[in-house]
Every structure is written in structure tokens, then in C-alpha cells.
Amino acid sequence: TKKITFSFEYLVTGKETCFFFSYQDGDNIYINESENDTFEVNITENTENRHVKGTFIGTIPGYENPGSVDIPNGNFDITY
């Protein structure tokens, strides 16, 4: 099972609005921390109609597990 979780500021766009991003692949969890400059989330749309759109790219280090995961070209388009 693979899972992505992220938190972002309401109605704000840009590369600094996402303050938490994690990727889980089975038992392995990878978390982007704010000081990590090898991973970028760019919120390109964030509307009052609860629609968020953006991209993510880079390397996320493991959380309580060795290694990291490379994401070469991620994107999302979500209505919540």
C-alpha cells in the first residue's frame, strides 16, 4: 500500500505553503522536513471551492528507516 499525506495553508499558493509531506510505501515511511532542500512541493491552485492542485519533486529521507525515496515528477489535483 502506498500513501501520500500533506498539509498546506488554506487559499495560499507557492513553494512555501506546504508544511508537511509524507510518503508511505508499506512499512517504510518518508517525511519531508522543512529544512530538507532536496524536495519541493509547489501548490499552484488552492481555492475556496476546496480544490488544490500542484506538483512535488525530489528526494525524501526515511523516517525511522534507512534510505530515501526519489520522486522524479509527482502531481496532484484534488477536490476535498
C-alpha atoms as a PDB file:
ATOM      1  CA  THR A   1       0.000   0.000   0.000  1.00  0.00           C
ATOM      2  CA  LYS A   2       1.277   3.451  -0.931  1.00  0.00           C
ATOM      3  CA  LYS A   3       0.023   6.630   0.708  1.00  0.00           C
ATOM      4  CA  ILE A   4       0.797  10.348   0.450  1.00  0.00           C
ATOM      5  CA  THR A   5      -0.163  12.795   3.210  1.00  0.00           C
ATOM      6  CA  PHE A   6       0.415  16.530   3.166  1.00  0.00           C
ATOM      7  CA  SER A   7      -0.687  19.693   4.956  1.00  0.00           C
ATOM      8  CA  PHE A   8      -0.809  23.145   3.445  1.00  0.00           C
ATOM      9  CA  GLU A   9      -2.086  26.651   4.136  1.00  0.00           C
ATOM     10  CA  TYR A  10      -5.680  27.373   3.108  1.00  0.00           C
ATOM     11  CA  LEU A  11      -6.019  29.571  -0.005  1.00  0.00           C
ATOM     12  CA  VAL A  12      -2.252  30.101  -0.312  1.00  0.00           C
ATOM     13  CA  THR A  13      -0.198  29.029  -3.329  1.00  0.00           C
ATOM     14  CA  GLY A  14       3.514  28.695  -3.925  1.00  0.00           C
ATOM     15  CA  LYS A  15       6.516  26.626  -2.929  1.00  0.00           C
ATOM     16  CA  GLU A  16       6.481  27.518   0.770  1.00  0.00           C
ATOM     17  CA  THR A  17       2.839  26.844   1.659  1.00  0.00           C
ATOM     18  CA  CYS A  18       3.136  23.073   2.248  1.00  0.00           C
ATOM     19  CA  PHE A  19       4.493  22.471   5.751  1.00  0.00           C
ATOM     20  CA  PHE A  20       4.245  18.665   5.939  1.00  0.00           C
ATOM     21  CA  PHE A  21       4.622  15.940   3.294  1.00  0.00           C
ATOM     22  CA  SER A  22       4.982  12.208   3.840  1.00  0.00           C
ATOM     23  CA  TYR A  23       5.097   9.182   1.572  1.00  0.00           C
ATOM     24  CA  GLN A  24       4.429   5.675   2.856  1.00  0.00           C
ATOM     25  CA  ASP A  25       5.231   2.507   0.936  1.00  0.00           C
ATOM     26  CA  GLY A  26       4.223  -0.492   3.038  1.00  0.00           C
ATOM     27  CA  ASP A  27       6.080  -0.248   6.359  1.00  0.00           C
ATOM     28  CA  ASN A  28       8.556   2.360   5.044  1.00  0.00           C
ATOM     29  CA  ILE A  29       7.729   5.980   5.819  1.00  0.00           C
ATOM     30  CA  TYR A  30       9.473   9.004   4.288  1.00  0.00           C
ATOM     31  CA  ILE A  31       8.914  12.513   5.636  1.00  0.00           C
ATOM     32  CA  ASN A  32       9.898  15.851   4.158  1.00  0.00           C
ATOM     33  CA  GLU A  33      11.090  18.192   6.888  1.00  0.00           C
ATOM     34  CA  SER A  34      11.149  21.952   6.416  1.00  0.00           C
ATOM     35  CA  GLU A  35      14.966  22.061   6.390  1.00  0.00           C
ATOM     36  CA  ASN A  36      15.133  19.489   3.564  1.00  0.00           C
ATOM     37  CA  ASP A  37      16.126  21.351   0.399  1.00  0.00           C
ATOM     38  CA  THR A  38      16.161  18.215  -1.783  1.00  0.00           C
ATOM     39  CA  PHE A  39      12.353  18.062  -2.035  1.00  0.00           C
ATOM     40  CA  GLU A  40       9.885  20.647  -3.305  1.00  0.00           C
ATOM     41  CA  VAL A  41       6.095  20.924  -3.164  1.00  0.00           C
ATOM     42  CA  ASN A  42       4.538  23.667  -5.282  1.00  0.00           C
ATOM     43  CA  ILE A  43       0.843  24.447  -4.679  1.00  0.00           C
ATOM     44  CA  THR A  44      -0.340  26.019  -7.949  1.00  0.00           C
ATOM     45  CA  GLU A  45      -4.065  26.247  -7.194  1.00  0.00           C
ATOM     46  CA  ASN A  46      -5.824  26.473  -3.818  1.00  0.00           C
ATOM     47  CA  THR A  47      -9.413  27.720  -3.974  1.00  0.00           C
ATOM     48  CA  GLU A  48     -12.377  28.434  -1.716  1.00  0.00           C
ATOM     49  CA  ASN A  49     -14.171  25.627  -3.586  1.00  0.00           C
ATOM     50  CA  ARG A  50     -11.791  23.201  -1.821  1.00  0.00           C
ATOM     51  CA  HIS A  51      -9.727  22.466  -4.894  1.00  0.00           C
ATOM     52  CA  VAL A  52      -5.969  22.107  -4.582  1.00  0.00           C
ATOM     53  CA  LYS A  53      -3.516  21.387  -7.371  1.00  0.00           C
ATOM     54  CA  GLY A  54       0.250  21.211  -7.546  1.00  0.00           C
ATOM     55  CA  THR A  55       3.481  19.317  -8.087  1.00  0.00           C
ATOM     56  CA  PHE A  56       6.144  17.623  -5.984  1.00  0.00           C
ATOM     57  CA  ILE A  57       9.651  16.522  -6.884  1.00  0.00           C
ATOM     58  CA  GLY A  58      12.854  15.441  -5.183  1.00  0.00           C
ATOM     59  CA  THR A  59      14.272  13.099  -2.557  1.00  0.00           C
ATOM     60  CA  ILE A  60      12.622  12.401   0.808  1.00  0.00           C
ATOM     61  CA  PRO A  61      14.657  10.811   3.618  1.00  0.00           C
ATOM     62  CA  GLY A  62      13.412   7.790   5.534  1.00  0.00           C
ATOM     63  CA  TYR A  63      11.716   8.211   8.893  1.00  0.00           C
ATOM     64  CA  GLU A  64      12.930   5.571  11.365  1.00  0.00           C
ATOM     65  CA  ASN A  65      14.088   3.529   8.375  1.00  0.00           C
ATOM     66  CA  PRO A  66      17.302   3.809   6.371  1.00  0.00           C
ATOM     67  CA  GLY A  67      17.465   5.225   2.894  1.00  0.00           C
ATOM     68  CA  SER A  68      15.345   7.657   0.968  1.00  0.00           C
ATOM     69  CA  VAL A  69      12.877   7.716  -1.899  1.00  0.00           C
ATOM     70  CA  ASP A  70      13.234   9.691  -5.146  1.00  0.00           C
ATOM     71  CA  ILE A  71      10.121  11.173  -6.712  1.00  0.00           C
ATOM     72  CA  PRO A  72      11.026  12.474 -10.182  1.00  0.00           C
ATOM     73  CA  ASN A  73       7.696  14.000 -11.195  1.00  0.00           C
ATOM     74  CA  GLY A  74       4.687  13.948  -8.839  1.00  0.00           C
ATOM     75  CA  ASN A  75       1.480  15.900  -9.181  1.00  0.00           C
ATOM     76  CA  PHE A  76      -1.946  16.152  -7.567  1.00  0.00           C
ATOM     77  CA  ASP A  77      -5.325  17.612  -8.478  1.00  0.00           C
ATOM     78  CA  ILE A  78      -7.744  17.169  -5.558  1.00  0.00           C
ATOM     79  CA  THR A  79     -11.197  18.389  -4.636  1.00  0.00           C
ATOM     80  CA  TYR A  80     -11.850  17.817  -0.937  1.00  0.00           C
END
